Amino acid sequence: MSTRRRKIPLRICVGCQEKKPKKQLLRIVRTPDGNIELDFTGKKSGRGAYVCPQHQCLKQAQKGRKLEKHLKHRIPDDLIEQIWSSFEAGKET
């Protein structure tokens, strides 16, 4: 008998450009109606971009406007603040 292993879905971080398991990354999605939101479930419909839960990756993604280019939409400052606070909350747990 052969045991089948499930493939672990990999995604590329917009900041550091490294492939990592999808569950380890934070997804930012542009919904079909044009809103930019954090997607904690990873299942919202729309165009998504993934970022490692590390400050340096978000800084790199912001610096080169990589998130905006990937989502093809401007990222509001309040969403960036929300992402920073979610990183801080993740550190506490």
PDB file of N, CA and C in Angstrom:
ATOM      1  N   MET A   1       0.833  -1.191   0.000  1.00  0.00           N
ATOM      2  CA  MET A   1       0.000   0.000   0.000  1.00  0.00           C
ATOM      3  C   MET A   1       0.871   1.244   0.000  1.00  0.00           C
ATOM      4  N   SER A   2       0.450   2.202  -0.780  1.00  0.00           N
ATOM      5  CA  SER A   2       1.177   3.460  -0.792  1.00  0.00           C
ATOM      6  C   SER A   2       0.396   4.507  -0.009  1.00  0.00           C
ATOM      7  N   THR A   3       1.132   5.291   0.739  1.00  0.00           N
ATOM      8  CA  THR A   3       0.486   6.381   1.469  1.00  0.00           C
ATOM      9  C   THR A   3       0.661   7.651   0.660  1.00  0.00           C
ATOM     10  N   ARG A   4      -0.435   8.314   0.425  1.00  0.00           N
ATOM     11  CA  ARG A   4      -0.400   9.544  -0.370  1.00  0.00           C
ATOM     12  C   ARG A   4      -0.279  10.732   0.564  1.00  0.00           C
ATOM     13  N   ARG A   5       0.634  11.575   0.239  1.00  0.00           N
ATOM     14  CA  ARG A   5       0.784  12.809   0.997  1.00  0.00           C
ATOM     15  C   ARG A   5       0.062  13.923   0.274  1.00  0.00           C
ATOM     16  N   ARG A   6      -0.542  14.765   1.045  1.00  0.00           N
ATOM     17  CA  ARG A   6      -1.204  15.930   0.477  1.00  0.00           C
ATOM     18  C   ARG A   6      -0.177  16.997   0.178  1.00  0.00           C
ATOM     19  N   LYS A   7      -0.326  17.641  -0.957  1.00  0.00           N
ATOM     20  CA  LYS A   7       0.567  18.745  -1.281  1.00  0.00           C
ATOM     21  C   LYS A   7       0.235  19.946  -0.414  1.00  0.00           C
ATOM     22  N   ILE A   8       1.261  20.595   0.075  1.00  0.00           N
ATOM     23  CA  ILE A   8       1.071  21.802   0.860  1.00  0.00           C
ATOM     24  C   ILE A   8       1.103  22.982  -0.115  1.00  0.00           C
ATOM     25  N   PRO A   9       0.018  23.782  -0.158  1.00  0.00           N
ATOM     26  CA  PRO A   9       0.008  24.907  -1.086  1.00  0.00           C
ATOM     27  C   PRO A   9       1.047  25.959  -0.692  1.00  0.00           C
ATOM     28  N   LEU A  10       1.860  26.363  -1.650  1.00  0.00           N
ATOM     29  CA  LEU A  10       2.888  27.371  -1.423  1.00  0.00           C
ATOM     30  C   LEU A  10       2.504  28.667  -2.104  1.00  0.00           C
ATOM     31  N   ARG A  11       2.883  29.772  -1.496  1.00  0.00           N
ATOM     32  CA  ARG A  11       2.665  31.087  -2.074  1.00  0.00           C
ATOM     33  C   ARG A  11       3.952  31.896  -1.913  1.00  0.00           C
ATOM     34  N   ILE A  12       4.104  32.925  -2.730  1.00  0.00           N
ATOM     35  CA  ILE A  12       5.294  33.761  -2.683  1.00  0.00           C
ATOM     36  C   ILE A  12       4.973  35.053  -1.931  1.00  0.00           C
ATOM     37  N   CYS A  13       5.816  35.382  -0.968  1.00  0.00           N
ATOM     38  CA  CYS A  13       5.676  36.628  -0.215  1.00  0.00           C
ATOM     39  C   CYS A  13       6.013  37.792  -1.137  1.00  0.00           C
ATOM     40  N   VAL A  14       5.165  38.814  -1.134  1.00  0.00           N
ATOM     41  CA  VAL A  14       5.369  39.988  -1.976  1.00  0.00           C
ATOM     42  C   VAL A  14       6.618  40.759  -1.524  1.00  0.00           C
ATOM     43  N   GLY A  15       6.934  40.700  -0.228  1.00  0.00           N
ATOM     44  CA  GLY A  15       8.077  41.445   0.296  1.00  0.00           C
ATOM     45  C   GLY A  15       9.411  40.780   0.028  1.00  0.00           C
ATOM     46  N   CYS A  16       9.593  39.551   0.532  1.00  0.00           N
ATOM     47  CA  CYS A  16      10.902  38.891   0.443  1.00  0.00           C
ATOM     48  C   CYS A  16      11.028  37.966  -0.765  1.00  0.00           C
ATOM     49  N   GLN A  17       9.944  37.710  -1.465  1.00  0.00           N
ATOM     50  CA  GLN A  17       9.924  36.868  -2.665  1.00  0.00           C
ATOM     51  C   GLN A  17      10.265  35.405  -2.383  1.00  0.00           C
ATOM     52  N   GLU A  18      10.053  34.939  -1.151  1.00  0.00           N
ATOM     53  CA  GLU A  18      10.315  33.545  -0.806  1.00  0.00           C
ATOM     54  C   GLU A  18       9.016  32.746  -0.854  1.00  0.00           C
ATOM     55  N   LYS A  19       9.129  31.486  -1.300  1.00  0.00           N
ATOM     56  CA  LYS A  19       7.981  30.587  -1.283  1.00  0.00           C
ATOM     57  C   LYS A  19       7.825  30.029   0.117  1.00  0.00           C
ATOM     58  N   LYS A  20       6.596  30.113   0.625  1.00  0.00           N
ATOM     59  CA  LYS A  20       6.296  29.607   1.962  1.00  0.00           C
ATOM     60  C   LYS A  20       4.914  28.973   1.943  1.00  0.00           C
ATOM     61  N   PRO A  21       4.637  28.091   2.912  1.00  0.00           N
ATOM     62  CA  PRO A  21       3.283  27.527   2.987  1.00  0.00           C
ATOM     63  C   PRO A  21       2.237  28.631   3.166  1.00  0.00           C
ATOM     64  N   LYS A  22       1.138  28.468   2.475  1.00  0.00           N
ATOM     65  CA  LYS A  22       0.062  29.469   2.451  1.00  0.00           C
ATOM     66  C   LYS A  22      -0.407  29.843   3.858  1.00  0.00           C
ATOM     67  N   LYS A  23      -0.478  28.883   4.754  1.00  0.00           N
ATOM     68  CA  LYS A  23      -0.992  29.126   6.106  1.00  0.00           C
ATOM     69  C   LYS A  23      -0.070  30.014   6.934  1.00  0.00           C
ATOM     70  N   GLN A  24       1.212  30.126   6.537  1.00  0.00           N
ATOM     71  CA  GLN A  24       2.159  30.944   7.285  1.00  0.00           C
ATOM     72  C   GLN A  24       2.131  32.407   6.851  1.00  0.00           C
ATOM     73  N   LEU A  25       1.407  32.716   5.788  1.00  0.00           N
ATOM     74  CA  LEU A  25       1.392  34.062   5.232  1.00  0.00           C
ATOM     75  C   LEU A  25       0.070  34.774   5.502  1.00  0.00           C
ATOM     76  N   LEU A  26       0.124  36.088   5.479  1.00  0.00           N
ATOM     77  CA  LEU A  26      -1.073  36.916   5.631  1.00  0.00           C
ATOM     78  C   LEU A  26      -1.548  37.312   4.243  1.00  0.00           C
ATOM     79  N   ARG A  27      -2.835  37.111   3.955  1.00  0.00           N
ATOM     80  CA  ARG A  27      -3.378  37.427   2.635  1.00  0.00           C
ATOM     81  C   ARG A  27      -4.095  38.762   2.665  1.00  0.00           C
ATOM     82  N   ILE A  28      -3.781  39.581   1.672  1.00  0.00           N
ATOM     83  CA  ILE A  28      -4.456  40.854   1.468  1.00  0.00           C
ATOM     84  C   ILE A  28      -5.178  40.719   0.139  1.00  0.00           C
ATOM     85  N   VAL A  29      -6.462  41.027   0.120  1.00  0.00           N
ATOM     86  CA  VAL A  29      -7.270  40.773  -1.070  1.00  0.00           C
ATOM     87  C   VAL A  29      -7.954  42.044  -1.558  1.00  0.00           C
ATOM     88  N   ARG A  30      -8.027  42.175  -2.886  1.00  0.00           N
ATOM     89  CA  ARG A  30      -8.843  43.215  -3.512  1.00  0.00           C
ATOM     90  C   ARG A  30     -10.114  42.514  -3.956  1.00  0.00           C
ATOM     91  N   THR A  31     -11.214  42.851  -3.316  1.00  0.00           N
ATOM     92  CA  THR A  31     -12.487  42.195  -3.604  1.00  0.00           C
ATOM     93  C   THR A  31     -13.005  42.630  -4.973  1.00  0.00           C
ATOM     94  N   PRO A  32     -13.943  41.875  -5.542  1.00  0.00           N
ATOM     95  CA  PRO A  32     -14.493  42.244  -6.851  1.00  0.00           C
ATOM     96  C   PRO A  32     -15.104  43.645  -6.904  1.00  0.00           C
ATOM     97  N   ASP A  33     -15.579  44.163  -5.757  1.00  0.00           N
ATOM     98  CA  ASP A  33     -16.133  45.515  -5.753  1.00  0.00           C
ATOM     99  C   ASP A  33     -15.076  46.582  -5.482  1.00  0.00           C
ATOM    100  N   GLY A  34     -13.785  46.198  -5.426  1.00  0.00           N
ATOM    101  CA  GLY A  34     -12.693  47.161  -5.356  1.00  0.00           C
ATOM    102  C   GLY A  34     -12.181  47.503  -3.975  1.00  0.00           C
ATOM    103  N   ASN A  35     -12.691  46.859  -2.925  1.00  0.00           N
ATOM    104  CA  ASN A  35     -12.205  47.118  -1.570  1.00  0.00           C
ATOM    105  C   ASN A  35     -10.945  46.307  -1.299  1.00  0.00           C
ATOM    106  N   ILE A  36     -10.041  46.856  -0.501  1.00  0.00           N
ATOM    107  CA  ILE A  36      -8.843  46.150  -0.077  1.00  0.00           C
ATOM    108  C   ILE A  36      -9.069  45.724   1.364  1.00  0.00           C
ATOM    109  N   GLU A  37      -8.920  44.421   1.641  1.00  0.00           N
ATOM    110  CA  GLU A  37      -9.194  43.880   2.972  1.00  0.00           C
ATOM    111  C   GLU A  37      -8.158  42.851   3.356  1.00  0.00           C
ATOM    112  N   LEU A  38      -8.043  42.631   4.661  1.00  0.00           N
ATOM    113  CA  LEU A  38      -7.251  41.512   5.152  1.00  0.00           C
ATOM    114  C   LEU A  38      -8.118  40.266   5.082  1.00  0.00           C
ATOM    115  N   ASP A  39      -7.538  39.176   4.662  1.00  0.00           N
ATOM    116  CA  ASP A  39      -8.289  37.927   4.535  1.00  0.00           C
ATOM    117  C   ASP A  39      -7.643  36.889   5.449  1.00  0.00           C
ATOM    118  N   PHE A  40      -8.226  36.722   6.630  1.00  0.00           N
ATOM    119  CA  PHE A  40      -7.674  35.770   7.594  1.00  0.00           C
ATOM    120  C   PHE A  40      -8.043  34.332   7.258  1.00  0.00           C
ATOM    121  N   THR A  41      -9.113  34.148   6.474  1.00  0.00           N
ATOM    122  CA  THR A  41      -9.546  32.795   6.115  1.00  0.00           C
ATOM    123  C   THR A  41      -8.804  32.272   4.896  1.00  0.00           C
ATOM    124  N   GLY A  42      -8.345  33.163   4.044  1.00  0.00           N
ATOM    125  CA  GLY A  42      -7.667  32.756   2.810  1.00  0.00           C
ATOM    126  C   GLY A  42      -8.629  32.306   1.727  1.00  0.00           C
ATOM    127  N   LYS A  43      -9.920  32.594   1.921  1.00  0.00           N
ATOM    128  CA  LYS A  43     -10.925  32.103   0.980  1.00  0.00           C
ATOM    129  C   LYS A  43     -11.792  33.186   0.353  1.00  0.00           C
ATOM    130  N   LYS A  44     -11.546  34.453   0.693  1.00  0.00           N
ATOM    131  CA  LYS A  44     -12.358  35.515   0.094  1.00  0.00           C
ATOM    132  C   LYS A  44     -12.092  35.583  -1.396  1.00  0.00           C
ATOM    133  N   SER A  45     -13.128  35.915  -2.154  1.00  0.00           N
ATOM    134  CA  SER A  45     -12.933  36.004  -3.598  1.00  0.00           C
ATOM    135  C   SER A  45     -12.275  37.331  -3.937  1.00  0.00           C
ATOM    136  N   GLY A  46     -11.455  37.303  -4.955  1.00  0.00           N
ATOM    137  CA  GLY A  46     -10.768  38.504  -5.400  1.00  0.00           C
ATOM    138  C   GLY A  46      -9.294  38.242  -5.629  1.00  0.00           C
ATOM    139  N   ARG A  47      -8.587  39.281  -6.001  1.00  0.00           N
ATOM    140  CA  ARG A  47      -7.159  39.190  -6.284  1.00  0.00           C
ATOM    141  C   ARG A  47      -6.391  39.293  -4.974  1.00  0.00           C
ATOM    142  N   GLY A  48      -5.537  38.322  -4.702  1.00  0.00           N
ATOM    143  CA  GLY A  48      -4.833  38.283  -3.431  1.00  0.00           C
ATOM    144  C   GLY A  48      -3.336  38.472  -3.553  1.00  0.00           C
ATOM    145  N   ALA A  49      -2.755  38.981  -2.482  1.00  0.00           N
ATOM    146  CA  ALA A  49      -1.305  39.103  -2.355  1.00  0.00           C
ATOM    147  C   ALA A  49      -0.946  38.589  -0.966  1.00  0.00           C
ATOM    148  N   TYR A  50       0.195  37.943  -0.861  1.00  0.00           N
ATOM    149  CA  TYR A  50       0.609  37.328   0.395  1.00  0.00           C
ATOM    150  C   TYR A  50       1.851  38.005   0.935  1.00  0.00           C
ATOM    151  N   VAL A  51       1.881  38.180   2.275  1.00  0.00           N
ATOM    152  CA  VAL A  51       3.016  38.800   2.950  1.00  0.00           C
ATOM    153  C   VAL A  51       3.354  37.964   4.177  1.00  0.00           C
ATOM    154  N   CYS A  52       4.662  37.781   4.409  1.00  0.00           N
ATOM    155  CA  CYS A  52       5.113  37.098   5.622  1.00  0.00           C
ATOM    156  C   CYS A  52       4.722  37.936   6.840  1.00  0.00           C
ATOM    157  N   PRO A  53       4.444  37.305   7.956  1.00  0.00           N
ATOM    158  CA  PRO A  53       4.109  38.077   9.170  1.00  0.00           C
ATOM    159  C   PRO A  53       5.363  38.623   9.845  1.00  0.00           C
ATOM    160  N   GLN A  54       6.163  39.362   9.093  1.00  0.00           N
ATOM    161  CA  GLN A  54       7.384  39.985   9.604  1.00  0.00           C
ATOM    162  C   GLN A  54       7.409  41.432   9.135  1.00  0.00           C
ATOM    163  N   HIS A  55       7.889  42.304  10.014  1.00  0.00           N
ATOM    164  CA  HIS A  55       7.913  43.731   9.680  1.00  0.00           C
ATOM    165  C   HIS A  55       8.773  44.024   8.457  1.00  0.00           C
ATOM    166  N   GLN A  56       9.911  43.347   8.330  1.00  0.00           N
ATOM    167  CA  GLN A  56      10.801  43.651   7.203  1.00  0.00           C
ATOM    168  C   GLN A  56      10.147  43.321   5.869  1.00  0.00           C
ATOM    169  N   CYS A  57       9.345  42.267   5.814  1.00  0.00           N
ATOM    170  CA  CYS A  57       8.660  41.917   4.563  1.00  0.00           C
ATOM    171  C   CYS A  57       7.618  42.968   4.192  1.00  0.00           C
ATOM    172  N   LEU A  58       6.859  43.428   5.178  1.00  0.00           N
ATOM    173  CA  LEU A  58       5.868  44.466   4.897  1.00  0.00           C
ATOM    174  C   LEU A  58       6.550  45.764   4.488  1.00  0.00           C
ATOM    175  N   LYS A  59       7.685  46.084   5.135  1.00  0.00           N
ATOM    176  CA  LYS A  59       8.426  47.291   4.759  1.00  0.00           C
ATOM    177  C   LYS A  59       8.900  47.201   3.313  1.00  0.00           C
ATOM    178  N   GLN A  60       9.410  46.037   2.914  1.00  0.00           N
ATOM    179  CA  GLN A  60       9.860  45.855   1.534  1.00  0.00           C
ATOM    180  C   GLN A  60       8.694  45.971   0.561  1.00  0.00           C
ATOM    181  N   ALA A  61       7.564  45.382   0.924  1.00  0.00           N
ATOM    182  CA  ALA A  61       6.382  45.433   0.059  1.00  0.00           C
ATOM    183  C   ALA A  61       5.867  46.861  -0.075  1.00  0.00           C
ATOM    184  N   GLN A  62       5.935  47.641   1.002  1.00  0.00           N
ATOM    185  CA  GLN A  62       5.495  49.040   0.979  1.00  0.00           C
ATOM    186  C   GLN A  62       6.479  49.911   0.210  1.00  0.00           C
ATOM    187  N   LYS A  63       7.759  49.696   0.470  1.00  0.00           N
ATOM    188  CA  LYS A  63       8.800  50.545  -0.112  1.00  0.00           C
ATOM    189  C   LYS A  63       8.757  50.532  -1.637  1.00  0.00           C
ATOM    190  N   GLY A  64       8.652  49.369  -2.210  1.00  0.00           N
ATOM    191  CA  GLY A  64       8.613  49.275  -3.665  1.00  0.00           C
ATOM    192  C   GLY A  64       7.217  49.322  -4.246  1.00  0.00           C
ATOM    193  N   ARG A  65       6.229  49.622  -3.388  1.00  0.00           N
ATOM    194  CA  ARG A  65       4.818  49.620  -3.803  1.00  0.00           C
ATOM    195  C   ARG A  65       4.432  48.290  -4.458  1.00  0.00           C
ATOM    196  N   LYS A  66       5.057  47.221  -3.980  1.00  0.00           N
ATOM    197  CA  LYS A  66       4.814  45.894  -4.548  1.00  0.00           C
ATOM    198  C   LYS A  66       3.382  45.430  -4.306  1.00  0.00           C
ATOM    199  N   LEU A  67       2.850  45.732  -3.121  1.00  0.00           N
ATOM    200  CA  LEU A  67       1.455  45.351  -2.833  1.00  0.00           C
ATOM    201  C   LEU A  67       0.505  46.037  -3.806  1.00  0.00           C
ATOM    202  N   GLU A  68       0.705  47.318  -4.005  1.00  0.00           N
ATOM    203  CA  GLU A  68      -0.172  48.069  -4.903  1.00  0.00           C
ATOM    204  C   GLU A  68      -0.068  47.550  -6.330  1.00  0.00           C
ATOM    205  N   LYS A  69       1.144  47.225  -6.761  1.00  0.00           N
ATOM    206  CA  LYS A  69       1.332  46.700  -8.112  1.00  0.00           C
ATOM    207  C   LYS A  69       0.686  45.326  -8.258  1.00  0.00           C
ATOM    208  N   HIS A  70       0.834  44.499  -7.233  1.00  0.00           N
ATOM    209  CA  HIS A  70       0.282  43.145  -7.313  1.00  0.00           C
ATOM    210  C   HIS A  70      -1.250  43.154  -7.294  1.00  0.00           C
ATOM    211  N   LEU A  71      -1.814  44.011  -6.454  1.00  0.00           N
ATOM    212  CA  LEU A  71      -3.277  44.085  -6.355  1.00  0.00           C
ATOM    213  C   LEU A  71      -3.890  45.003  -7.407  1.00  0.00           C
ATOM    214  N   LYS A  72      -3.031  45.752  -8.092  1.00  0.00           N
ATOM    215  CA  LYS A  72      -3.475  46.700  -9.117  1.00  0.00           C
ATOM    216  C   LYS A  72      -4.485  47.702  -8.545  1.00  0.00           C
ATOM    217  N   HIS A  73      -4.141  48.205  -7.358  1.00  0.00           N
ATOM    218  CA  HIS A  73      -5.024  49.140  -6.661  1.00  0.00           C
ATOM    219  C   HIS A  73      -4.218  49.862  -5.588  1.00  0.00           C
ATOM    220  N   ARG A  74      -4.613  51.095  -5.269  1.00  0.00           N
ATOM    221  CA  ARG A  74      -3.949  51.837  -4.209  1.00  0.00           C
ATOM    222  C   ARG A  74      -4.327  51.250  -2.852  1.00  0.00           C
ATOM    223  N   ILE A  75      -3.337  51.151  -1.957  1.00  0.00           N
ATOM    224  CA  ILE A  75      -3.570  50.603  -0.613  1.00  0.00           C
ATOM    225  C   ILE A  75      -3.786  51.769   0.353  1.00  0.00           C
ATOM    226  N   PRO A  76      -4.956  51.827   1.014  1.00  0.00           N
ATOM    227  CA  PRO A  76      -5.206  52.920   1.962  1.00  0.00           C
ATOM    228  C   PRO A  76      -4.278  52.819   3.181  1.00  0.00           C
ATOM    229  N   ASP A  77      -3.902  53.971   3.739  1.00  0.00           N
ATOM    230  CA  ASP A  77      -3.010  54.006   4.898  1.00  0.00           C
ATOM    231  C   ASP A  77      -3.605  53.294   6.102  1.00  0.00           C
ATOM    232  N   ASP A  78      -4.929  53.375   6.277  1.00  0.00           N
ATOM    233  CA  ASP A  78      -5.540  52.716   7.428  1.00  0.00           C
ATOM    234  C   ASP A  78      -5.426  51.191   7.336  1.00  0.00           C
ATOM    235  N   LEU A  79      -5.397  50.655   6.127  1.00  0.00           N
ATOM    236  CA  LEU A  79      -5.209  49.209   5.970  1.00  0.00           C
ATOM    237  C   LEU A  79      -3.787  48.819   6.342  1.00  0.00           C
ATOM    238  N   ILE A  80      -2.812  49.634   5.970  1.00  0.00           N
ATOM    239  CA  ILE A  80      -1.424  49.364   6.351  1.00  0.00           C
ATOM    240  C   ILE A  80      -1.304  49.350   7.872  1.00  0.00           C
ATOM    241  N   GLU A  81      -1.973  50.301   8.540  1.00  0.00           N
ATOM    242  CA  GLU A  81      -1.971  50.320  10.005  1.00  0.00           C
ATOM    243  C   GLU A  81      -2.614  49.056  10.574  1.00  0.00           C
ATOM    244  N   GLN A  82      -3.689  48.595   9.940  1.00  0.00           N
ATOM    245  CA  GLN A  82      -4.366  47.375  10.379  1.00  0.00           C
ATOM    246  C   GLN A  82      -3.436  46.165  10.213  1.00  0.00           C
ATOM    247  N   ILE A  83      -2.670  46.138   9.143  1.00  0.00           N
ATOM    248  CA  ILE A  83      -1.729  45.045   8.920  1.00  0.00           C
ATOM    249  C   ILE A  83      -0.640  45.074   9.992  1.00  0.00           C
ATOM    250  N   TRP A  84      -0.109  46.269  10.284  1.00  0.00           N
ATOM    251  CA  TRP A  84       0.919  46.393  11.324  1.00  0.00           C
ATOM    252  C   TRP A  84       0.380  45.893  12.664  1.00  0.00           C
ATOM    253  N   SER A  85      -0.855  46.278  13.002  1.00  0.00           N
ATOM    254  CA  SER A  85      -1.419  45.857  14.290  1.00  0.00           C
ATOM    255  C   SER A  85      -1.670  44.352  14.319  1.00  0.00           C
ATOM    256  N   SER A  86      -2.011  43.747  13.175  1.00  0.00           N
ATOM    257  CA  SER A  86      -2.195  42.298  13.156  1.00  0.00           C
ATOM    258  C   SER A  86      -0.854  41.588  13.340  1.00  0.00           C
ATOM    259  N   PHE A  87       0.238  42.198  12.839  1.00  0.00           N
ATOM    260  CA  PHE A  87       1.570  41.635  13.074  1.00  0.00           C
ATOM    261  C   PHE A  87       1.897  41.679  14.560  1.00  0.00           C
ATOM    262  N   GLU A  88       1.586  42.803  15.204  1.00  0.00           N
ATOM    263  CA  GLU A  88       1.845  42.947  16.631  1.00  0.00           C
ATOM    264  C   GLU A  88       1.023  41.944  17.440  1.00  0.00           C
ATOM    265  N   ALA A  89      -0.231  41.748  17.039  1.00  0.00           N
ATOM    266  CA  ALA A  89      -1.091  40.790  17.737  1.00  0.00           C
ATOM    267  C   ALA A  89      -0.548  39.366  17.571  1.00  0.00           C
ATOM    268  N   GLY A  90      -0.012  39.069  16.413  1.00  0.00           N
ATOM    269  CA  GLY A  90       0.562  37.758  16.160  1.00  0.00           C
ATOM    270  C   GLY A  90       1.803  37.492  17.001  1.00  0.00           C
ATOM    271  N   LYS A  91       2.559  38.542  17.314  1.00  0.00           N
ATOM    272  CA  LYS A  91       3.753  38.394  18.135  1.00  0.00           C
ATOM    273  C   LYS A  91       3.399  38.048  19.569  1.00  0.00           C
ATOM    274  N   GLU A  92       2.267  38.577  20.037  1.00  0.00           N
ATOM    275  CA  GLU A  92       1.858  38.381  21.430  1.00  0.00           C
ATOM    276  C   GLU A  92       1.417  36.947  21.695  1.00  0.00           C
ATOM    277  N   THR A  93       0.895  36.261  20.687  1.00  0.00           N
ATOM    278  CA  THR A  93       0.379  34.915  20.903  1.00  0.00           C
ATOM    279  C   THR A  93       1.461  33.878  20.824  1.00  0.00           C
TER     280      THR A  93
END
